[in-house]
């Protein structure tokens, strides 16, 4: 039985590459949509700062493990560049939704943590404005816990963009070198 995500064999390299690119786009989009739906539907009833911390720490550890696995997959992929894009496209939404969840839980645990009450949408909005460094200023962290969490997100975002990009670039180069040794080179 063949893998439905595997590129078709017949039709040449360009067709297989386009198929793989389309599958990366579809998988990334479906994952992001699924994660956003889960963010809105999963119960987040914790009313303690410890709950927000546990969600964030556990989630970030899971992101690190999954990212490490993705890097290993990139080096073995027939299309390492596409797989690296998919790895980043799957890691980024998880990272952002983890922080949105932590902000939401913190706001529930301590309503004075932010300048206004945070709904899930507000928490996601604050996460995105912090990540993109736009920072409109309509929602700001007031408590020390909120500010520490925002600083962790800022530092984590820089690491994700900088270090993850470098790690993925190295994985792509490793995958391409391995392809040159083992068979055809990605176009």
N, C-alpha and C. Protein backbone atom coordinates (compact mmCIF):
# COMPACT_ATOMS: atom_id res chain seq x y z
N UNK A 1 0.85 -1.18 0.00
CA UNK A 1 0.00 0.00 0.00
C UNK A 1 0.89 1.24 0.00
N UNK A 2 0.56 2.21 -0.83
CA UNK A 2 1.42 3.39 -0.95
C UNK A 2 0.96 4.48 0.01
N UNK A 3 1.89 5.33 0.33
CA UNK A 3 1.64 6.46 1.21
C UNK A 3 0.96 7.56 0.40
N UNK A 4 -0.25 8.04 0.81
CA UNK A 4 -0.93 9.08 0.03
C UNK A 4 -0.16 10.40 0.01
N UNK A 5 0.72 10.61 0.97
CA UNK A 5 1.49 11.86 1.01
C UNK A 5 2.78 11.74 0.19
N UNK A 6 3.10 10.53 -0.26
CA UNK A 6 4.33 10.35 -1.03
C UNK A 6 4.12 10.89 -2.44
N UNK A 7 5.19 11.45 -3.01
CA UNK A 7 5.06 11.99 -4.36
C UNK A 7 4.82 10.86 -5.36
N UNK A 8 4.03 11.12 -6.41
CA UNK A 8 3.83 10.10 -7.42
C UNK A 8 5.13 9.80 -8.14
N UNK A 9 5.34 8.53 -8.48
CA UNK A 9 6.58 8.10 -9.11
C UNK A 9 6.64 8.48 -10.60
N UNK A 10 5.51 8.28 -11.30
CA UNK A 10 5.54 8.54 -12.73
C UNK A 10 5.41 10.03 -13.00
N UNK A 11 5.84 10.47 -14.17
CA UNK A 11 5.65 11.85 -14.56
C UNK A 11 6.85 12.74 -14.34
N UNK A 12 7.91 12.25 -13.77
CA UNK A 12 9.12 13.05 -13.67
C UNK A 12 9.26 13.81 -12.38
N UNK A 13 10.42 14.44 -12.25
CA UNK A 13 10.80 15.13 -11.02
C UNK A 13 9.99 16.38 -10.72
N UNK A 14 9.66 17.17 -11.76
CA UNK A 14 8.94 18.42 -11.53
C UNK A 14 7.54 18.13 -10.99
N UNK A 15 6.88 17.14 -11.55
CA UNK A 15 5.53 16.78 -11.09
C UNK A 15 5.59 16.29 -9.64
N UNK A 16 6.57 15.46 -9.33
CA UNK A 16 6.71 14.96 -7.96
C UNK A 16 7.01 16.10 -7.00
N UNK A 17 7.84 17.04 -7.42
CA UNK A 17 8.18 18.18 -6.57
C UNK A 17 6.95 19.05 -6.32
N UNK A 18 6.15 19.28 -7.36
CA UNK A 18 4.93 20.08 -7.19
C UNK A 18 3.94 19.37 -6.27
N UNK A 19 3.83 18.06 -6.42
CA UNK A 19 2.95 17.27 -5.56
C UNK A 19 3.39 17.41 -4.11
N UNK A 20 4.68 17.28 -3.89
CA UNK A 20 5.21 17.40 -2.53
C UNK A 20 4.98 18.79 -1.96
N UNK A 21 5.17 19.81 -2.77
CA UNK A 21 4.95 21.19 -2.33
C UNK A 21 3.48 21.40 -1.96
N UNK A 22 2.59 20.86 -2.77
CA UNK A 22 1.16 20.99 -2.48
C UNK A 22 0.81 20.27 -1.18
N UNK A 23 1.38 19.10 -0.97
CA UNK A 23 1.10 18.34 0.26
C UNK A 23 1.63 19.07 1.49
N UNK A 24 2.79 19.70 1.38
CA UNK A 24 3.34 20.49 2.49
C UNK A 24 2.38 21.62 2.84
N UNK A 25 1.90 22.31 1.82
CA UNK A 25 0.97 23.41 2.04
C UNK A 25 -0.31 22.92 2.70
N UNK A 26 -0.88 21.83 2.19
CA UNK A 26 -2.13 21.30 2.74
C UNK A 26 -1.93 20.83 4.18
N UNK A 27 -0.86 20.06 4.43
CA UNK A 27 -0.63 19.56 5.80
C UNK A 27 -0.42 20.71 6.78
N UNK A 28 0.36 21.71 6.38
CA UNK A 28 0.61 22.85 7.26
C UNK A 28 -0.67 23.62 7.55
N UNK A 29 -1.47 23.82 6.52
CA UNK A 29 -2.73 24.54 6.70
C UNK A 29 -3.69 23.76 7.59
N UNK A 30 -3.81 22.45 7.35
CA UNK A 30 -4.70 21.62 8.17
C UNK A 30 -4.24 21.58 9.62
N UNK A 31 -2.94 21.48 9.83
CA UNK A 31 -2.41 21.47 11.19
C UNK A 31 -2.74 22.78 11.90
N UNK A 32 -2.50 23.89 11.23
CA UNK A 32 -2.76 25.20 11.83
C UNK A 32 -4.24 25.37 12.16
N UNK A 33 -5.10 25.02 11.21
CA UNK A 33 -6.54 25.12 11.45
C UNK A 33 -6.96 24.22 12.61
N UNK A 34 -6.44 23.00 12.64
CA UNK A 34 -6.76 22.08 13.73
C UNK A 34 -6.30 22.60 15.08
N UNK A 35 -5.10 23.18 15.12
CA UNK A 35 -4.59 23.73 16.38
C UNK A 35 -5.41 24.92 16.86
N UNK A 36 -5.81 25.78 15.93
CA UNK A 36 -6.62 26.94 16.32
C UNK A 36 -7.99 26.48 16.82
N UNK A 37 -8.58 25.50 16.16
CA UNK A 37 -9.86 24.96 16.62
C UNK A 37 -9.70 24.36 18.02
N UNK A 38 -8.62 23.60 18.23
CA UNK A 38 -8.37 23.01 19.55
C UNK A 38 -8.18 24.11 20.60
N UNK A 39 -7.48 25.16 20.25
CA UNK A 39 -7.26 26.28 21.17
C UNK A 39 -8.59 26.86 21.65
N UNK A 40 -9.53 27.00 20.74
CA UNK A 40 -10.82 27.57 21.11
C UNK A 40 -11.76 26.57 21.80
N UNK A 41 -11.60 25.29 21.52
CA UNK A 41 -12.55 24.31 22.05
C UNK A 41 -12.09 23.59 23.32
N UNK A 42 -10.79 23.42 23.50
CA UNK A 42 -10.31 22.69 24.68
C UNK A 42 -10.60 23.48 25.94
N UNK A 43 -11.00 22.80 27.00
CA UNK A 43 -11.27 23.51 28.25
C UNK A 43 -9.96 24.03 28.87
N UNK A 44 -9.98 25.27 29.25
CA UNK A 44 -8.85 25.87 29.97
C UNK A 44 -9.44 26.52 31.21
N UNK A 45 -9.66 25.69 32.22
CA UNK A 45 -10.36 26.15 33.41
C UNK A 45 -9.45 26.45 34.60
N UNK A 46 -8.15 26.31 34.42
CA UNK A 46 -7.23 26.54 35.53
C UNK A 46 -7.33 27.99 35.99
N UNK A 47 -7.38 28.16 37.28
CA UNK A 47 -7.41 29.51 37.84
C UNK A 47 -6.16 29.77 38.67
N UNK A 48 -5.05 29.16 38.26
CA UNK A 48 -3.81 29.38 39.00
C UNK A 48 -2.68 29.73 38.04
N UNK A 49 -1.76 30.52 38.54
CA UNK A 49 -0.58 30.86 37.76
C UNK A 49 0.24 29.61 37.49
N UNK A 50 0.20 28.68 38.43
CA UNK A 50 0.92 27.42 38.27
C UNK A 50 0.38 26.64 37.07
N UNK A 51 -0.93 26.69 36.85
CA UNK A 51 -1.54 26.03 35.69
C UNK A 51 -1.02 26.61 34.39
N UNK A 52 -0.93 27.94 34.32
CA UNK A 52 -0.41 28.60 33.13
C UNK A 52 1.04 28.23 32.91
N UNK A 53 1.80 28.18 33.99
CA UNK A 53 3.22 27.82 33.89
C UNK A 53 3.38 26.38 33.43
N UNK A 54 2.57 25.48 33.97
CA UNK A 54 2.66 24.07 33.58
C UNK A 54 2.32 23.88 32.11
N UNK A 55 1.28 24.56 31.63
CA UNK A 55 0.92 24.47 30.21
C UNK A 55 2.07 24.96 29.35
N UNK A 56 2.64 26.09 29.72
CA UNK A 56 3.72 26.67 28.92
C UNK A 56 4.97 25.80 28.94
N UNK A 57 5.42 25.40 30.09
CA UNK A 57 6.65 24.61 30.20
C UNK A 57 6.49 23.27 29.50
N UNK A 58 5.39 22.58 29.79
CA UNK A 58 5.14 21.29 29.14
C UNK A 58 5.03 21.44 27.63
N UNK A 59 4.34 22.45 27.20
CA UNK A 59 4.18 22.69 25.77
C UNK A 59 5.49 23.03 25.08
N UNK A 60 6.30 23.88 25.72
CA UNK A 60 7.58 24.24 25.11
C UNK A 60 8.53 23.05 25.04
N UNK A 61 8.49 22.19 26.05
CA UNK A 61 9.29 20.96 25.99
C UNK A 61 8.82 20.08 24.84
N UNK A 62 7.52 19.97 24.67
CA UNK A 62 6.98 19.18 23.56
C UNK A 62 7.38 19.79 22.22
N UNK A 63 7.33 21.11 22.11
CA UNK A 63 7.75 21.78 20.87
C UNK A 63 9.22 21.48 20.58
N UNK A 64 10.07 21.53 21.60
CA UNK A 64 11.50 21.24 21.40
C UNK A 64 11.72 19.82 20.93
N UNK A 65 11.00 18.87 21.51
CA UNK A 65 11.15 17.46 21.11
C UNK A 65 10.66 17.26 19.68
N UNK A 66 9.50 17.82 19.36
CA UNK A 66 8.96 17.68 18.00
C UNK A 66 9.87 18.37 16.99
N UNK A 67 10.39 19.53 17.34
CA UNK A 67 11.28 20.24 16.43
C UNK A 67 12.56 19.43 16.18
N UNK A 68 13.10 18.84 17.22
CA UNK A 68 14.30 18.00 17.05
C UNK A 68 14.00 16.82 16.13
N UNK A 69 12.84 16.22 16.31
CA UNK A 69 12.44 15.12 15.43
C UNK A 69 12.28 15.62 13.99
N UNK A 70 11.66 16.79 13.81
CA UNK A 70 11.48 17.37 12.48
C UNK A 70 12.83 17.62 11.80
N UNK A 71 13.81 18.09 12.54
CA UNK A 71 15.14 18.33 11.98
C UNK A 71 15.73 17.02 11.46
N UNK A 72 15.57 15.96 12.23
CA UNK A 72 16.07 14.65 11.79
C UNK A 72 15.36 14.20 10.52
N UNK A 73 14.06 14.46 10.43
CA UNK A 73 13.29 14.08 9.25
C UNK A 73 13.74 14.90 8.03
N UNK A 74 14.05 16.17 8.24
CA UNK A 74 14.49 17.03 7.13
C UNK A 74 15.74 16.45 6.47
N UNK A 75 16.67 15.95 7.27
CA UNK A 75 17.93 15.44 6.72
C UNK A 75 17.72 14.19 5.88
N UNK A 76 16.62 13.47 6.10
CA UNK A 76 16.36 12.23 5.36
C UNK A 76 15.31 12.39 4.27
N UNK A 77 14.72 13.55 4.17
CA UNK A 77 13.63 13.77 3.23
C UNK A 77 14.15 13.86 1.79
N UNK A 78 13.35 13.38 0.82
CA UNK A 78 13.74 13.57 -0.58
C UNK A 78 13.66 15.04 -0.99
N UNK A 79 12.92 15.83 -0.24
CA UNK A 79 12.79 17.27 -0.50
C UNK A 79 13.08 18.02 0.80
N UNK A 80 14.35 18.13 1.18
CA UNK A 80 14.67 18.73 2.48
C UNK A 80 14.21 20.18 2.63
N UNK A 81 14.23 20.95 1.55
CA UNK A 81 13.80 22.34 1.66
C UNK A 81 12.31 22.42 2.00
N UNK A 82 11.52 21.63 1.30
CA UNK A 82 10.08 21.61 1.57
C UNK A 82 9.79 21.10 2.98
N UNK A 83 10.48 20.07 3.39
CA UNK A 83 10.27 19.52 4.72
C UNK A 83 10.65 20.53 5.80
N UNK A 84 11.68 21.33 5.54
CA UNK A 84 12.08 22.37 6.50
C UNK A 84 11.00 23.45 6.61
N UNK A 85 10.41 23.81 5.47
CA UNK A 85 9.31 24.78 5.49
C UNK A 85 8.15 24.21 6.30
N UNK A 86 7.85 22.94 6.08
CA UNK A 86 6.77 22.30 6.82
C UNK A 86 7.09 22.24 8.32
N UNK A 87 8.33 21.96 8.66
CA UNK A 87 8.72 21.91 10.07
C UNK A 87 8.50 23.26 10.74
N UNK A 88 8.91 24.32 10.07
CA UNK A 88 8.72 25.66 10.63
C UNK A 88 7.24 26.03 10.66
N UNK A 89 6.52 25.66 9.61
CA UNK A 89 5.09 25.98 9.53
C UNK A 89 4.28 25.20 10.57
N UNK A 90 4.81 24.10 11.06
CA UNK A 90 4.09 23.38 12.11
C UNK A 90 4.55 23.80 13.50
N UNK A 91 5.79 24.20 13.63
CA UNK A 91 6.31 24.60 14.94
C UNK A 91 5.80 25.98 15.35
N UNK A 92 5.75 26.91 14.43
CA UNK A 92 5.36 28.28 14.74
C UNK A 92 3.94 28.39 15.32
N UNK A 93 2.92 27.78 14.71
CA UNK A 93 1.59 27.90 15.32
C UNK A 93 1.51 27.27 16.71
N UNK A 94 2.21 26.17 16.91
CA UNK A 94 2.21 25.54 18.24
C UNK A 94 2.82 26.50 19.26
N UNK A 95 3.95 27.10 18.91
CA UNK A 95 4.62 28.06 19.79
C UNK A 95 3.67 29.22 20.13
N UNK A 96 3.04 29.80 19.13
CA UNK A 96 2.17 30.95 19.35
C UNK A 96 0.93 30.57 20.17
N UNK A 97 0.34 29.44 19.86
CA UNK A 97 -0.86 29.03 20.60
C UNK A 97 -0.54 28.64 22.04
N UNK A 98 0.66 28.14 22.28
CA UNK A 98 1.07 27.87 23.66
C UNK A 98 1.12 29.16 24.47
N UNK A 99 1.72 30.19 23.91
CA UNK A 99 1.78 31.46 24.63
C UNK A 99 0.39 32.08 24.78
N UNK A 100 -0.44 31.98 23.76
CA UNK A 100 -1.81 32.49 23.88
C UNK A 100 -2.54 31.78 25.01
N UNK A 101 -2.36 30.46 25.11
CA UNK A 101 -2.98 29.70 26.18
C UNK A 101 -2.46 30.14 27.55
N UNK A 102 -1.16 30.34 27.64
CA UNK A 102 -0.57 30.77 28.91
C UNK A 102 -1.07 32.17 29.31
N UNK A 103 -1.17 33.09 28.34
CA UNK A 103 -1.69 34.42 28.64
C UNK A 103 -3.15 34.33 29.09
N UNK A 104 -3.92 33.52 28.40
CA UNK A 104 -5.33 33.37 28.76
C UNK A 104 -5.47 32.82 30.17
N UNK A 105 -4.71 31.77 30.48
CA UNK A 105 -4.77 31.18 31.82
C UNK A 105 -4.28 32.15 32.89
N UNK A 106 -3.24 32.91 32.59
CA UNK A 106 -2.74 33.89 33.55
C UNK A 106 -3.79 34.97 33.81
N UNK A 107 -4.45 35.43 32.76
CA UNK A 107 -5.49 36.45 32.91
C UNK A 107 -6.66 35.92 33.74
N UNK A 108 -6.95 34.64 33.63
CA UNK A 108 -8.02 34.05 34.45
C UNK A 108 -7.57 33.90 35.90
N UNK A 109 -6.29 33.57 36.10
CA UNK A 109 -5.78 33.38 37.46
C UNK A 109 -5.63 34.71 38.18
N UNK A 110 -5.22 35.73 37.46
CA UNK A 110 -5.03 37.06 38.05
C UNK A 110 -5.54 38.11 37.07
N UNK A 111 -6.78 38.54 37.22
CA UNK A 111 -7.39 39.49 36.28
C UNK A 111 -6.65 40.83 36.17
N UNK A 112 -5.77 41.14 37.12
CA UNK A 112 -5.02 42.39 37.03
C UNK A 112 -3.72 42.24 36.25
N UNK A 113 -3.48 41.05 35.67
CA UNK A 113 -2.23 40.81 34.94
C UNK A 113 -2.12 41.62 33.65
N UNK A 114 -3.25 42.00 33.08
CA UNK A 114 -3.26 42.75 31.82
C UNK A 114 -4.16 43.96 31.97
N UNK A 115 -4.02 44.89 31.06
CA UNK A 115 -4.79 46.13 31.15
C UNK A 115 -6.28 45.91 30.91
N UNK A 116 -6.64 44.75 30.39
CA UNK A 116 -8.05 44.42 30.21
C UNK A 116 -8.24 42.92 30.33
N UNK A 117 -9.49 42.52 30.51
CA UNK A 117 -9.84 41.10 30.57
C UNK A 117 -9.48 40.47 29.22
N UNK A 118 -8.88 39.29 29.24
CA UNK A 118 -8.49 38.63 27.99
C UNK A 118 -9.43 37.48 27.67
N UNK A 119 -10.06 37.56 26.51
CA UNK A 119 -10.73 36.40 25.96
C UNK A 119 -9.66 35.57 25.25
N UNK A 120 -10.03 34.43 24.72
CA UNK A 120 -9.05 33.63 23.97
C UNK A 120 -8.56 34.40 22.75
N UNK A 121 -9.46 35.11 22.11
CA UNK A 121 -9.06 35.91 20.94
C UNK A 121 -8.12 37.03 21.36
N UNK A 122 -8.43 37.69 22.47
CA UNK A 122 -7.54 38.75 22.97
C UNK A 122 -6.16 38.20 23.29
N UNK A 123 -6.11 37.02 23.90
CA UNK A 123 -4.82 36.40 24.25
C UNK A 123 -4.03 36.06 22.99
N UNK A 124 -4.71 35.57 21.97
CA UNK A 124 -4.04 35.27 20.70
C UNK A 124 -3.58 36.55 20.02
N UNK A 125 -4.40 37.57 20.06
CA UNK A 125 -4.04 38.88 19.52
C UNK A 125 -2.79 39.44 20.22
N UNK A 126 -2.78 39.38 21.56
CA UNK A 126 -1.62 39.86 22.32
C UNK A 126 -0.38 39.06 21.95
N UNK A 127 -0.55 37.75 21.80
CA UNK A 127 0.57 36.88 21.42
C UNK A 127 1.14 37.29 20.06
N UNK A 128 0.27 37.50 19.10
CA UNK A 128 0.74 37.86 17.75
C UNK A 128 1.36 39.25 17.71
N UNK A 129 0.78 40.21 18.44
CA UNK A 129 1.38 41.55 18.44
C UNK A 129 2.73 41.54 19.14
N UNK A 130 2.88 40.69 20.14
CA UNK A 130 4.17 40.56 20.82
C UNK A 130 5.18 39.87 19.91
N UNK A 131 4.77 38.78 19.26
CA UNK A 131 5.67 38.02 18.39
C UNK A 131 6.15 38.86 17.21
N UNK A 132 5.25 39.61 16.62
CA UNK A 132 5.62 40.40 15.44
C UNK A 132 6.27 41.73 15.82
N UNK A 133 6.39 41.99 17.08
CA UNK A 133 6.96 43.22 17.65
C UNK A 133 6.19 44.47 17.25
N UNK A 134 4.93 44.29 16.85
CA UNK A 134 4.09 45.44 16.51
C UNK A 134 3.69 46.15 17.79
N UNK A 135 3.20 45.39 18.76
CA UNK A 135 2.86 45.93 20.07
C UNK A 135 2.02 47.17 20.04
N UNK A 136 0.76 47.08 19.64
CA UNK A 136 -0.10 48.25 19.52
C UNK A 136 -0.28 49.00 20.83
N UNK A 137 -0.17 48.32 21.95
CA UNK A 137 -0.28 48.99 23.23
C UNK A 137 -1.68 48.99 23.80
N UNK A 138 -2.66 48.46 23.06
CA UNK A 138 -4.01 48.42 23.61
C UNK A 138 -4.15 47.38 24.70
N UNK A 139 -3.37 46.32 24.64
CA UNK A 139 -3.31 45.33 25.71
C UNK A 139 -1.86 45.27 26.15
N UNK A 140 -1.64 45.46 27.44
CA UNK A 140 -0.27 45.35 27.95
C UNK A 140 -0.27 44.52 29.22
N UNK A 141 0.86 43.93 29.48
CA UNK A 141 1.02 43.14 30.70
C UNK A 141 1.27 44.10 31.86
N UNK A 142 0.51 43.93 32.93
CA UNK A 142 0.69 44.79 34.10
C UNK A 142 1.40 44.08 35.23
N UNK A 143 1.12 42.81 35.42
CA UNK A 143 1.71 42.09 36.55
C UNK A 143 3.12 41.63 36.19
N UNK A 144 3.88 41.32 37.21
CA UNK A 144 5.23 40.80 36.98
C UNK A 144 5.18 39.48 36.22
N UNK A 145 4.22 38.62 36.56
CA UNK A 145 4.10 37.34 35.87
C UNK A 145 3.77 37.56 34.39
N UNK A 146 2.88 38.49 34.11
CA UNK A 146 2.53 38.80 32.72
C UNK A 146 3.72 39.34 31.95
N UNK A 147 4.48 40.20 32.57
CA UNK A 147 5.66 40.77 31.90
C UNK A 147 6.75 39.73 31.68
N UNK A 148 6.95 38.86 32.67
CA UNK A 148 7.94 37.78 32.51
C UNK A 148 7.51 36.86 31.37
N UNK A 149 6.24 36.54 31.33
CA UNK A 149 5.72 35.69 30.27
C UNK A 149 5.92 36.36 28.90
N UNK A 150 5.64 37.64 28.80
CA UNK A 150 5.84 38.36 27.54
C UNK A 150 7.33 38.38 27.16
N UNK A 151 8.20 38.57 28.13
CA UNK A 151 9.65 38.56 27.83
C UNK A 151 10.10 37.18 27.37
N UNK A 152 9.55 36.13 28.00
CA UNK A 152 9.88 34.77 27.56
C UNK A 152 9.42 34.55 26.12
N UNK A 153 8.24 35.05 25.80
CA UNK A 153 7.77 34.91 24.43
C UNK A 153 8.66 35.68 23.47
N UNK A 154 9.06 36.88 23.82
CA UNK A 154 9.94 37.67 22.94
C UNK A 154 11.26 36.94 22.69
N UNK A 155 11.88 36.47 23.77
CA UNK A 155 13.15 35.74 23.63
C UNK A 155 12.94 34.43 22.87
N UNK A 156 11.87 33.72 23.18
CA UNK A 156 11.58 32.49 22.46
C UNK A 156 11.30 32.72 20.99
N UNK A 157 10.61 33.80 20.68
CA UNK A 157 10.34 34.14 19.28
C UNK A 157 11.62 34.42 18.52
N UNK A 158 12.53 35.16 19.15
CA UNK A 158 13.82 35.43 18.50
C UNK A 158 14.60 34.13 18.29
N UNK A 159 14.58 33.26 19.30
CA UNK A 159 15.26 31.97 19.16
C UNK A 159 14.61 31.13 18.07
N UNK A 160 13.29 31.11 18.05
CA UNK A 160 12.59 30.32 17.05
C UNK A 160 12.93 30.81 15.65
N UNK A 161 12.90 32.09 15.45
CA UNK A 161 13.19 32.62 14.12
C UNK A 161 14.68 32.48 13.79
N UNK A 162 15.55 32.83 14.70
CA UNK A 162 16.98 32.81 14.42
C UNK A 162 17.62 31.44 14.49
N UNK A 163 17.52 30.81 15.63
CA UNK A 163 18.19 29.52 15.83
C UNK A 163 17.51 28.43 15.00
N UNK A 164 16.18 28.41 15.02
CA UNK A 164 15.48 27.38 14.26
C UNK A 164 15.79 27.50 12.77
N UNK A 165 15.84 28.71 12.27
CA UNK A 165 16.17 28.90 10.86
C UNK A 165 17.57 28.37 10.56
N UNK A 166 18.50 28.63 11.44
CA UNK A 166 19.87 28.14 11.25
C UNK A 166 19.94 26.61 11.33
N UNK A 167 19.25 26.05 12.30
CA UNK A 167 19.24 24.59 12.45
C UNK A 167 18.62 23.94 11.22
N UNK A 168 17.51 24.51 10.74
CA UNK A 168 16.87 23.96 9.56
C UNK A 168 17.74 24.11 8.32
N UNK A 169 18.46 25.22 8.20
CA UNK A 169 19.37 25.41 7.08
C UNK A 169 20.45 24.34 7.09
N UNK A 170 21.01 24.07 8.25
CA UNK A 170 22.02 23.02 8.37
C UNK A 170 21.43 21.66 8.02
N UNK A 171 20.20 21.40 8.48
CA UNK A 171 19.55 20.12 8.16
C UNK A 171 19.31 19.99 6.66
N UNK A 172 18.92 21.08 6.01
CA UNK A 172 18.72 21.06 4.56
C UNK A 172 20.04 20.74 3.86
N UNK A 173 21.10 21.42 4.27
CA UNK A 173 22.41 21.16 3.65
C UNK A 173 22.84 19.71 3.86
N UNK A 174 22.60 19.17 5.04
CA UNK A 174 22.93 17.77 5.32
C UNK A 174 22.12 16.84 4.42
N UNK A 175 20.83 17.12 4.30
CA UNK A 175 19.97 16.31 3.44
C UNK A 175 20.39 16.36 1.98
N UNK A 176 20.75 17.54 1.51
CA UNK A 176 21.19 17.68 0.11
C UNK A 176 22.52 16.97 -0.12
N UNK A 177 23.44 17.05 0.86
CA UNK A 177 24.72 16.33 0.73
C UNK A 177 24.47 14.83 0.68
N UNK A 178 23.56 14.36 1.52
CA UNK A 178 23.24 12.93 1.55
C UNK A 178 22.62 12.51 0.22
N UNK A 179 21.78 13.34 -0.36
CA UNK A 179 21.18 13.03 -1.66
C UNK A 179 22.25 12.92 -2.74
N UNK A 180 23.22 13.83 -2.72
CA UNK A 180 24.29 13.77 -3.72
C UNK A 180 25.06 12.47 -3.62
N UNK A 181 25.22 11.98 -2.39
CA UNK A 181 25.92 10.71 -2.19
C UNK A 181 25.05 9.53 -2.60
N UNK A 182 23.74 9.61 -2.28
CA UNK A 182 22.86 8.46 -2.45
C UNK A 182 22.07 8.43 -3.75
N UNK A 183 21.88 9.58 -4.40
CA UNK A 183 21.05 9.55 -5.61
C UNK A 183 20.82 10.93 -6.17
N UNK A 184 19.64 11.15 -6.75
CA UNK A 184 19.35 12.43 -7.43
C UNK A 184 19.28 13.60 -6.44
N UNK A 185 19.65 14.76 -6.93
CA UNK A 185 19.66 15.99 -6.15
C UNK A 185 18.33 16.70 -6.32
N UNK A 186 17.83 17.31 -5.22
CA UNK A 186 16.59 18.08 -5.28
C UNK A 186 16.78 19.27 -6.20
N UNK A 187 15.77 19.57 -6.99
CA UNK A 187 15.83 20.72 -7.92
C UNK A 187 15.25 21.94 -7.29
